[in-house]
C-alpha atoms as a PDB file:
ATOM      1  CA  MET A   1     -10.740  11.129  16.473  1.00  0.00           C
ATOM      2  CA  THR A   2      -8.887   9.098  18.871  1.00  0.00           C
ATOM      3  CA  LEU A   3      -4.701   8.614  19.133  1.00  0.00           C
ATOM      4  CA  PRO A   4      -3.381   6.037  19.340  1.00  0.00           C
ATOM      5  CA  TYR A   5      -1.382   7.143  22.781  1.00  0.00           C
ATOM      6  CA  ALA A   6      -2.178   8.495  26.096  1.00  0.00           C
ATOM      7  CA  GLU A   7      -3.225  11.697  26.948  1.00  0.00           C
ATOM      8  CA  PRO A   8      -1.039  14.389  27.599  1.00  0.00           C
ATOM      9  CA  LEU A   9       0.624  14.639  24.443  1.00  0.00           C
ATOM     10  CA  VAL A  10       3.083  17.777  23.621  1.00  0.00           C
ATOM     11  CA  ARG A  11       2.830  19.037  20.470  1.00  0.00           C
ATOM     12  CA  LEU A  12       6.367  19.802  18.681  1.00  0.00           C
ATOM     13  CA  GLU A  13       7.479  22.184  16.706  1.00  0.00           C
ATOM     14  CA  PRO A  14       8.379  21.499  13.495  1.00  0.00           C
ATOM     15  CA  GLN A  15      12.150  21.426  12.155  1.00  0.00           C
ATOM     16  CA  PRO A  16      14.357  23.402   9.702  1.00  0.00           C
ATOM     17  CA  ARG A  17      13.143  22.876   5.858  1.00  0.00           C
ATOM     18  CA  VAL A  18      15.382  20.842   4.072  1.00  0.00           C
ATOM     19  CA  ILE A  19      15.907  22.789   0.708  1.00  0.00           C
ATOM     20  CA  PRO A  20      16.902  21.202  -1.343  1.00  0.00           C
ATOM     21  CA  GLU A  21      15.751  18.254  -0.580  1.00  0.00           C
ATOM     22  CA  PRO A  22      17.785  14.804  -0.387  1.00  0.00           C
ATOM     23  CA  PRO A  23      16.734  12.834  -3.516  1.00  0.00           C
ATOM     24  CA  ARG A  24      14.204   9.422  -3.112  1.00  0.00           C
ATOM     25  CA  VAL A  25      14.564   6.221  -4.046  1.00  0.00           C
ATOM     26  CA  GLY A  26      14.566   6.010  -7.827  1.00  0.00           C
ATOM     27  CA  GLU A  27      15.264   9.929  -8.197  1.00  0.00           C
ATOM     28  CA  PRO A  28      18.613  11.343 -10.035  1.00  0.00           C
ATOM     29  CA  GLY A  29      21.148  11.102  -7.864  1.00  0.00           C
ATOM     30  CA  GLY A  30      18.886   8.795  -4.954  1.00  0.00           C
ATOM     31  CA  PRO A  31      19.517   5.452  -4.285  1.00  0.00           C
ATOM     32  CA  HIS A  32      19.061   3.014  -7.076  1.00  0.00           C
ATOM     33  CA  CYS A  33      14.682   1.484  -7.320  1.00  0.00           C
ATOM     34  CA  GLY A  34      15.264  -2.140  -6.462  1.00  0.00           C
ATOM     35  CA  LEU A  35      11.499  -2.307  -7.176  1.00  0.00           C
ATOM     36  CA  CYS A  36      12.021  -1.692 -10.937  1.00  0.00           C
ATOM     37  CA  ASP A  37      14.708  -4.623 -10.686  1.00  0.00           C
ATOM     38  CA  TRP A  38      12.175  -7.127  -8.682  1.00  0.00           C
ATOM     39  CA  LEU A  39       9.333  -5.866 -11.266  1.00  0.00           C
ATOM     40  CA  ALA A  40      11.431  -6.958 -14.049  1.00  0.00           C
ATOM     41  CA  ASP A  41      12.080 -10.280 -12.910  1.00  0.00           C
ATOM     42  CA  PHE A  42      10.270 -11.581  -9.884  1.00  0.00           C
ATOM     43  CA  GLU A  43       9.309 -14.466 -11.893  1.00  0.00           C
ATOM     44  CA  HIS A  44      12.648 -15.392 -10.989  1.00  0.00           C
ATOM     45  CA  SER A  45      13.860 -14.144  -8.080  1.00  0.00           C
ATOM     46  CA  GLU A  46      13.805 -15.862  -4.746  1.00  0.00           C
ATOM     47  CA  HIS A  47      11.132 -13.654  -3.245  1.00  0.00           C
ATOM     48  CA  ARG A  48       7.011 -14.413  -3.159  1.00  0.00           C
ATOM     49  CA  PRO A  49       5.749 -13.229  -6.284  1.00  0.00           C
ATOM     50  CA  PRO A  50       2.957 -10.634  -6.289  1.00  0.00           C
ATOM     51  CA  LEU A  51      -0.340 -11.448  -4.884  1.00  0.00           C
ATOM     52  CA  TRP A  52      -1.954 -10.516  -8.385  1.00  0.00           C
ATOM     53  CA  TYR A  53      -0.638  -8.424 -11.580  1.00  0.00           C
ATOM     54  CA  ASP A  54      -1.035  -7.437 -15.080  1.00  0.00           C
ATOM     55  CA  ASP A  55       1.098  -5.802 -18.233  1.00  0.00           C
ATOM     56  CA  ASP A  56       0.768  -2.350 -15.849  1.00  0.00           C
ATOM     57  CA  TRP A  57       0.257  -3.347 -12.395  1.00  0.00           C
ATOM     58  CA  ALA A  58       1.465  -5.550  -9.372  1.00  0.00           C
ATOM     59  CA  LEU A  59      -0.886  -6.059  -6.308  1.00  0.00           C
ATOM     60  CA  ILE A  60       2.101  -6.597  -3.390  1.00  0.00           C
ATOM     61  CA  ARG A  61       2.118  -8.000  -0.097  1.00  0.00           C
ATOM     62  CA  ALA A  62       2.517  -5.964   2.547  1.00  0.00           C
ATOM     63  CA  THR A  63       5.759  -7.056   5.588  1.00  0.00           C
ATOM     64  CA  ASP A  64       4.688  -6.968   8.849  1.00  0.00           C
ATOM     65  CA  VAL A  65       0.832  -6.709   8.425  1.00  0.00           C
ATOM     66  CA  THR A  66      -1.378  -5.879  11.620  1.00  0.00           C
ATOM     67  CA  ILE A  67      -4.489  -5.893   9.930  1.00  0.00           C
ATOM     68  CA  PRO A  68      -5.277  -8.365   7.366  1.00  0.00           C
ATOM     69  CA  GLY A  69      -5.826  -7.257   4.125  1.00  0.00           C
ATOM     70  CA  ILE A  70      -2.946  -4.452   4.168  1.00  0.00           C
ATOM     71  CA  VAL A  71      -1.452  -4.486   0.284  1.00  0.00           C
ATOM     72  CA  TRP A  72      -0.237  -2.098  -1.884  1.00  0.00           C
ATOM     73  CA  LEU A  73      -0.535  -1.183  -5.571  1.00  0.00           C
ATOM     74  CA  THR A  74       2.489  -0.762  -7.651  1.00  0.00           C
ATOM     75  CA  THR A  75       3.071   0.450 -11.333  1.00  0.00           C
ATOM     76  CA  ARG A  76       5.106  -2.404 -13.451  1.00  0.00           C
ATOM     77  CA  ALA A  77       7.262   0.469 -15.251  1.00  0.00           C
ATOM     78  CA  HIS A  78       8.909   3.059 -13.163  1.00  0.00           C
ATOM     79  CA  TYR A  79       6.950   6.765 -12.964  1.00  0.00           C
ATOM     80  CA  ASP A  80       6.562   9.059  -9.655  1.00  0.00           C
ATOM     81  CA  SER A  81       2.756  10.214  -9.422  1.00  0.00           C
ATOM     82  CA  PHE A  82      -0.341  10.387 -10.830  1.00  0.00           C
ATOM     83  CA  VAL A  83       0.946  13.500 -13.150  1.00  0.00           C
ATOM     84  CA  ASP A  84       3.457  11.312 -14.855  1.00  0.00           C
ATOM     85  CA  LEU A  85       1.232   8.127 -15.260  1.00  0.00           C
ATOM     86  CA  PRO A  86       0.517   7.482 -19.192  1.00  0.00           C
ATOM     87  CA  ASP A  87      -3.102   7.887 -20.470  1.00  0.00           C
ATOM     88  CA  ARG A  88      -3.655   4.410 -20.617  1.00  0.00           C
ATOM     89  CA  LEU A  89      -2.547   3.583 -16.783  1.00  0.00           C
ATOM     90  CA  ALA A  90      -4.406   6.750 -15.642  1.00  0.00           C
ATOM     91  CA  HIS A  91      -7.551   5.607 -17.152  1.00  0.00           C
ATOM     92  CA  SER A  92      -7.257   1.824 -16.153  1.00  0.00           C
ATOM     93  CA  TYR A  93      -6.686   3.196 -12.139  1.00  0.00           C
ATOM     94  CA  GLY A  94      -9.779   3.035 -10.906  1.00  0.00           C
ATOM     95  CA  SER A  95     -10.558  -0.428 -12.328  1.00  0.00           C
ATOM     96  CA  VAL A  96      -7.994  -1.669 -10.685  1.00  0.00           C
ATOM     97  CA  VAL A  97      -8.153  -0.068  -7.188  1.00  0.00           C
ATOM     98  CA  ALA A  98     -12.302  -0.632  -7.493  1.00  0.00           C
ATOM     99  CA  ARG A  99     -11.615  -4.642  -7.853  1.00  0.00           C
ATOM    100  CA  VAL A 100      -8.469  -4.576  -4.928  1.00  0.00           C
ATOM    101  CA  GLU A 101     -11.420  -2.461  -2.965  1.00  0.00           C
ATOM    102  CA  ARG A 102     -13.951  -5.174  -4.003  1.00  0.00           C
ATOM    103  CA  ALA A 103     -11.002  -8.118  -3.180  1.00  0.00           C
ATOM    104  CA  ILE A 104     -10.285  -6.496   0.160  1.00  0.00           C
ATOM    105  CA  LEU A 105     -14.091  -6.596   1.730  1.00  0.00           C
ATOM    106  CA  ALA A 106     -15.133  -9.507   0.730  1.00  0.00           C
ATOM    107  CA  LEU A 107     -12.443 -10.718   3.305  1.00  0.00           C
ATOM    108  CA  GLY A 108     -15.389  -9.733   5.356  1.00  0.00           C
ATOM    109  CA  ASP A 109     -15.659  -7.720   8.917  1.00  0.00           C
ATOM    110  CA  ILE A 110     -14.306  -4.603   6.772  1.00  0.00           C
ATOM    111  CA  ALA A 111     -15.930  -1.653   7.620  1.00  0.00           C
ATOM    112  CA  ARG A 112     -13.872   0.430   4.603  1.00  0.00           C
ATOM    113  CA  VAL A 113     -10.965   0.328   2.566  1.00  0.00           C
ATOM    114  CA  HIS A 114      -8.754   3.306   2.525  1.00  0.00           C
ATOM    115  CA  VAL A 115      -6.499   4.315  -0.373  1.00  0.00           C
ATOM    116  CA  TYR A 116      -3.424   5.850   0.775  1.00  0.00           C
ATOM    117  CA  ARG A 117      -0.560   7.925  -1.875  1.00  0.00           C
ATOM    118  CA  TRP A 118       2.232   9.803   0.250  1.00  0.00           C
ATOM    119  CA  GLY A 119       4.667   9.581  -2.306  1.00  0.00           C
ATOM    120  CA  ASP A 120       7.372  10.636   0.208  1.00  0.00           C
ATOM    121  CA  GLY A 121       9.446   6.983   0.485  1.00  0.00           C
ATOM    122  CA  SER A 122      10.289   5.901  -3.039  1.00  0.00           C
ATOM    123  CA  ALA A 123       9.687   7.694  -6.778  1.00  0.00           C
ATOM    124  CA  HIS A 124       8.566   4.256  -7.856  1.00  0.00           C
ATOM    125  CA  PHE A 125       4.723   5.207  -8.027  1.00  0.00           C
ATOM    126  CA  HIS A 126       2.500   3.057  -5.704  1.00  0.00           C
ATOM    127  CA  VAL A 127      -0.527   3.243  -3.351  1.00  0.00           C
ATOM    128  CA  TRP A 128      -1.457   1.123   0.068  1.00  0.00           C
ATOM    129  CA  PHE A 129      -4.167  -0.208   0.748  1.00  0.00           C
ATOM    130  CA  TYR A 130      -5.339  -0.280   4.554  1.00  0.00           C
ATOM    131  CA  PRO A 131      -9.101  -2.375   5.651  1.00  0.00           C
ATOM    132  CA  ARG A 132     -10.785  -0.545   8.303  1.00  0.00           C
ATOM    133  CA  PRO A 133     -12.002  -3.507  10.856  1.00  0.00           C
ATOM    134  CA  LEU A 134     -15.640  -3.132  11.511  1.00  0.00           C
ATOM    135  CA  GLY A 135     -16.760  -1.457  14.446  1.00  0.00           C
ATOM    136  CA  MET A 136     -13.082   0.105  14.485  1.00  0.00           C
ATOM    137  CA  LEU A 137     -14.545   3.814  15.379  1.00  0.00           C
ATOM    138  CA  GLU A 138     -10.752   4.870  16.607  1.00  0.00           C
ATOM    139  CA  ALA A 139      -9.174   4.225  13.658  1.00  0.00           C
ATOM    140  CA  ARG A 140     -11.903   5.893  11.095  1.00  0.00           C
ATOM    141  CA  ARG A 141      -9.694   9.225   8.651  1.00  0.00           C
ATOM    142  CA  GLU A 142      -6.081   9.407   8.853  1.00  0.00           C
ATOM    143  CA  MET A 143      -6.271   7.222  11.875  1.00  0.00           C
ATOM    144  CA  LEU A 144      -5.777   4.322  10.566  1.00  0.00           C
ATOM    145  CA  PRO A 145      -2.336   3.694   9.327  1.00  0.00           C
ATOM    146  CA  LEU A 146      -1.187   5.542  13.174  1.00  0.00           C
ATOM    147  CA  TRP A 147      -3.287   2.524  14.739  1.00  0.00           C
ATOM    148  CA  ALA A 148      -2.108  -0.456  11.689  1.00  0.00           C
ATOM    149  CA  ASP A 149       1.379   0.619  13.134  1.00  0.00           C
ATOM    150  CA  LEU A 150       1.313   0.139  16.594  1.00  0.00           C
ATOM    151  CA  LEU A 151      -1.240  -2.707  17.006  1.00  0.00           C
ATOM    152  CA  PRO A 152       0.348  -6.430  17.922  1.00  0.00           C
ATOM    153  CA  PRO A 153       1.561  -8.590  14.440  1.00  0.00           C
ATOM    154  CA  ALA A 154      -1.394 -10.763  12.815  1.00  0.00           C
ATOM    155  CA  THR A 155      -0.634 -14.565  12.431  1.00  0.00           C
ATOM    156  CA  GLU A 156       1.508 -15.569   9.310  1.00  0.00           C
ATOM    157  CA  GLU A 157      -1.476 -17.812   8.959  1.00  0.00           C
ATOM    158  CA  VAL A 158      -4.589 -15.424   9.008  1.00  0.00           C
ATOM    159  CA  VAL A 159      -2.312 -13.088   6.942  1.00  0.00           C
ATOM    160  CA  ALA A 160      -1.759 -15.468   4.067  1.00  0.00           C
ATOM    161  CA  ASP A 161      -5.151 -16.538   4.157  1.00  0.00           C
ATOM    162  CA  ALA A 162      -6.192 -12.821   3.674  1.00  0.00           C
ATOM    163  CA  GLU A 163      -3.672 -12.913   0.403  1.00  0.00           C
ATOM    164  CA  ALA A 164      -4.942 -15.940  -1.174  1.00  0.00           C
ATOM    165  CA  LYS A 165      -8.469 -14.734  -0.983  1.00  0.00           C
ATOM    166  CA  ILE A 166      -7.346 -11.213  -2.525  1.00  0.00           C
ATOM    167  CA  ALA A 167      -5.591 -13.016  -4.887  1.00  0.00           C
ATOM    168  CA  ALA A 168      -8.344 -15.577  -5.714  1.00  0.00           C
ATOM    169  CA  SER A 169     -10.724 -12.806  -6.220  1.00  0.00           C
ATOM    170  CA  LEU A 170      -8.743 -10.441  -8.283  1.00  0.00           C
ATOM    171  CA  ALA A 171      -7.715 -13.644 -10.580  1.00  0.00           C
ATOM    172  CA  THR A 172     -11.362 -14.306 -11.217  1.00  0.00           C
ATOM    173  CA  ASN A 173     -13.256 -11.244 -11.062  1.00  0.00           C
ATOM    174  CA  PRO A 174     -11.579  -9.355 -14.227  1.00  0.00           C
END
Protein backbone atom coordinates (compact mmCIF):
# COMPACT_ATOMS: atom_id res chain seq x y z
CA MET A 1 0.00 0.00 0.00
CA THR A 2 1.14 3.50 -0.75
CA LEU A 3 -0.31 6.40 1.16
CA PRO A 4 -0.78 9.63 -0.78
CA TYR A 5 1.41 11.48 1.72
CA ALA A 6 5.12 12.02 2.13
CA GLU A 7 6.95 10.35 4.98
CA PRO A 8 7.39 10.68 7.87
CA LEU A 9 3.84 10.40 9.08
CA VAL A 10 3.14 11.03 12.72
CA ARG A 11 0.82 8.63 14.52
CA LEU A 12 -1.96 10.34 16.43
CA GLU A 13 -3.75 8.98 19.46
CA PRO A 14 -7.51 8.55 19.14
CA GLN A 15 -9.64 11.32 20.61
CA PRO A 16 -11.71 10.58 23.71
CA ARG A 17 -14.90 8.71 22.87
CA VAL A 18 -18.11 10.74 22.57
CA ILE A 19 -20.96 8.81 24.19
CA PRO A 20 -23.74 9.17 23.41
CA GLU A 21 -22.84 9.94 19.82
CA PRO A 22 -24.53 12.97 18.29
CA PRO A 23 -27.44 12.10 15.97
CA ARG A 24 -26.68 11.92 12.26
CA VAL A 25 -28.64 13.59 9.47
CA GLY A 26 -32.00 11.84 9.26
CA GLU A 27 -31.93 10.37 12.77
CA PRO A 28 -34.33 11.47 15.51
CA GLY A 29 -32.90 14.59 17.10
CA GLY A 30 -30.56 15.20 14.16
CA PRO A 31 -30.83 17.46 11.15
CA HIS A 32 -33.69 16.73 8.74
CA CYS A 33 -32.93 14.36 5.83
CA GLY A 34 -32.98 16.72 2.86
CA LEU A 35 -32.20 13.78 0.57
CA CYS A 36 -35.67 12.39 1.31
CA ASP A 37 -37.25 15.68 0.20
CA TRP A 38 -35.19 15.83 -2.99
CA LEU A 39 -35.82 12.18 -3.90
CA ALA A 40 -39.57 12.68 -3.41
CA ASP A 41 -39.63 15.64 -5.80
CA PHE A 42 -36.43 15.74 -7.91
CA GLU A 43 -38.46 16.07 -11.13
CA HIS A 44 -39.49 19.56 -9.95
CA SER A 45 -36.15 20.52 -8.41
CA GLU A 46 -33.65 22.99 -9.81
CA HIS A 47 -30.92 20.38 -9.18
CA ARG A 48 -30.00 17.85 -11.84
CA PRO A 49 -31.93 14.59 -11.61
CA PRO A 50 -30.29 11.27 -10.73
CA LEU A 51 -28.28 9.54 -13.44
CA TRP A 52 -30.70 6.62 -13.21
CA TYR A 53 -33.58 5.61 -10.97
CA ASP A 54 -36.41 3.16 -10.55
CA ASP A 55 -39.11 2.84 -7.89
CA ASP A 56 -36.58 1.78 -5.23
CA TRP A 57 -33.13 3.07 -6.12
CA ALA A 58 -31.46 6.22 -7.46
CA LEU A 59 -27.91 6.60 -8.79
CA ILE A 60 -26.59 10.04 -7.91
CA ARG A 61 -23.79 12.16 -9.35
CA ALA A 62 -20.89 12.86 -7.04
CA THR A 63 -19.53 16.36 -6.57
CA ASP A 64 -15.90 17.46 -6.77
CA VAL A 65 -15.02 14.37 -8.83
CA THR A 66 -11.37 13.52 -9.27
CA ILE A 67 -11.90 10.11 -10.90
CA PRO A 68 -14.64 10.08 -13.56
CA GLY A 69 -17.26 7.48 -12.73
CA ILE A 70 -17.48 8.07 -8.97
CA VAL A 71 -21.20 7.85 -8.17
CA TRP A 72 -23.40 6.80 -5.28
CA LEU A 73 -26.52 4.66 -5.03
CA THR A 74 -29.29 5.41 -2.55
CA THR A 75 -32.69 4.09 -1.66
CA ARG A 76 -35.63 6.24 -2.74
CA ALA A 77 -37.25 5.72 0.68
CA HIS A 78 -35.53 6.47 3.97
CA TYR A 79 -33.75 3.43 5.41
CA ASP A 80 -30.60 3.59 7.48
CA SER A 81 -28.70 0.37 6.88
CA PHE A 82 -28.79 -3.07 5.32
CA VAL A 83 -30.59 -4.37 8.41
CA ASP A 84 -33.42 -1.87 7.80
CA LEU A 85 -34.00 -2.65 4.12
CA PRO A 86 -37.25 -4.44 3.34
CA ASP A 87 -36.65 -7.91 1.86
CA ARG A 88 -37.60 -6.71 -1.63
CA LEU A 89 -34.87 -4.04 -1.61
CA ALA A 90 -32.33 -6.30 0.05
CA HIS A 91 -32.93 -8.89 -2.68
CA SER A 92 -32.68 -6.35 -5.52
CA TYR A 93 -29.53 -4.71 -4.13
CA GLY A 94 -27.09 -7.22 -5.63
CA SER A 95 -28.47 -6.98 -9.15
CA VAL A 96 -28.56 -3.17 -9.04
CA VAL A 97 -24.96 -3.01 -7.79
CA ALA A 98 -23.88 -5.42 -10.54
CA ARG A 99 -25.57 -3.22 -13.18
CA VAL A 100 -23.84 -0.09 -11.86
CA GLU A 101 -20.48 -1.89 -11.72
CA ARG A 102 -20.85 -3.11 -15.33
CA ALA A 103 -21.74 0.43 -16.45
CA ILE A 104 -18.66 1.89 -14.75
CA LEU A 105 -16.34 -0.83 -16.07
CA ALA A 106 -17.66 -0.13 -19.58
CA LEU A 107 -16.10 3.36 -19.35
CA GLY A 108 -12.80 1.64 -20.07
CA ASP A 109 -9.43 2.08 -18.40
CA ILE A 110 -10.93 0.88 -15.10
CA ALA A 111 -9.22 -1.97 -13.23
CA ARG A 112 -11.81 -2.46 -10.48
CA VAL A 113 -14.88 -0.81 -9.06
CA HIS A 114 -14.80 -0.45 -5.28
CA VAL A 115 -18.12 -0.30 -3.44
CA TYR A 116 -18.03 1.46 -0.07
CA ARG A 117 -20.60 1.97 2.64
CA TRP A 118 -19.33 3.93 5.62
CA GLY A 119 -22.66 4.83 7.21
CA ASP A 120 -21.50 7.62 9.50
CA GLY A 121 -22.56 10.72 7.56
CA SER A 122 -26.27 10.27 7.01
CA ALA A 123 -28.93 7.84 8.17
CA HIS A 124 -30.23 7.57 4.57
CA PHE A 125 -28.89 4.33 3.04
CA HIS A 126 -26.28 4.91 0.35
CA VAL A 127 -23.20 3.20 -1.09
CA TRP A 128 -20.36 4.75 -3.06
CA PHE A 129 -18.81 3.41 -6.27
CA TYR A 130 -15.17 4.33 -6.84
CA PRO A 131 -13.53 3.19 -10.10
CA ARG A 132 -9.85 2.44 -9.66
CA PRO A 133 -8.01 3.58 -12.78
CA LEU A 134 -6.20 0.80 -14.62
CA GLY A 135 -2.58 0.63 -13.47
CA MET A 136 -3.02 2.88 -10.42
CA LEU A 137 -1.71 0.20 -8.07
CA GLU A 138 -1.00 2.62 -5.24
CA ALA A 139 -4.78 3.13 -4.94
CA ARG A 140 -5.65 -0.51 -4.32
CA ARG A 141 -7.82 -1.62 -1.41
CA GLU A 142 -8.72 1.04 1.15
CA MET A 143 -6.29 3.57 -0.38
CA LEU A 144 -8.58 4.53 -3.29
CA PRO A 145 -10.77 7.01 -1.35
CA LEU A 146 -7.65 8.68 0.09
CA TRP A 147 -6.14 9.11 -3.36
CA ALA A 148 -9.48 10.25 -4.80
CA ASP A 149 -9.67 13.01 -2.17
CA LEU A 150 -6.24 14.34 -3.13
CA LEU A 151 -6.12 14.02 -6.91
CA PRO A 152 -6.77 17.11 -9.02
CA PRO A 153 -10.39 17.59 -10.10
CA ALA A 154 -11.43 15.97 -13.35
CA THR A 155 -12.75 18.36 -15.99
CA GLU A 156 -16.49 18.93 -16.14
CA GLU A 157 -16.56 17.60 -19.71
CA VAL A 158 -14.85 14.32 -18.80
CA VAL A 159 -17.10 13.82 -15.76
CA ALA A 160 -20.24 14.62 -17.78
CA ASP A 161 -19.18 12.17 -20.49
CA ALA A 162 -18.64 9.38 -17.93
CA GLU A 163 -22.00 10.14 -16.29
CA ALA A 164 -23.79 10.09 -19.64
CA LYS A 165 -22.25 6.72 -20.51
CA ILE A 166 -23.19 5.25 -17.13
CA ALA A 167 -26.77 6.55 -17.44
CA ALA A 168 -27.10 5.20 -20.99
CA SER A 169 -25.80 1.80 -19.95
CA LEU A 170 -28.27 1.57 -17.07
CA ALA A 171 -31.15 2.71 -19.30
CA THR A 172 -30.44 0.06 -21.94
CA ASN A 173 -29.25 -2.88 -19.79
CA PRO A 174 -31.88 -3.85 -17.25
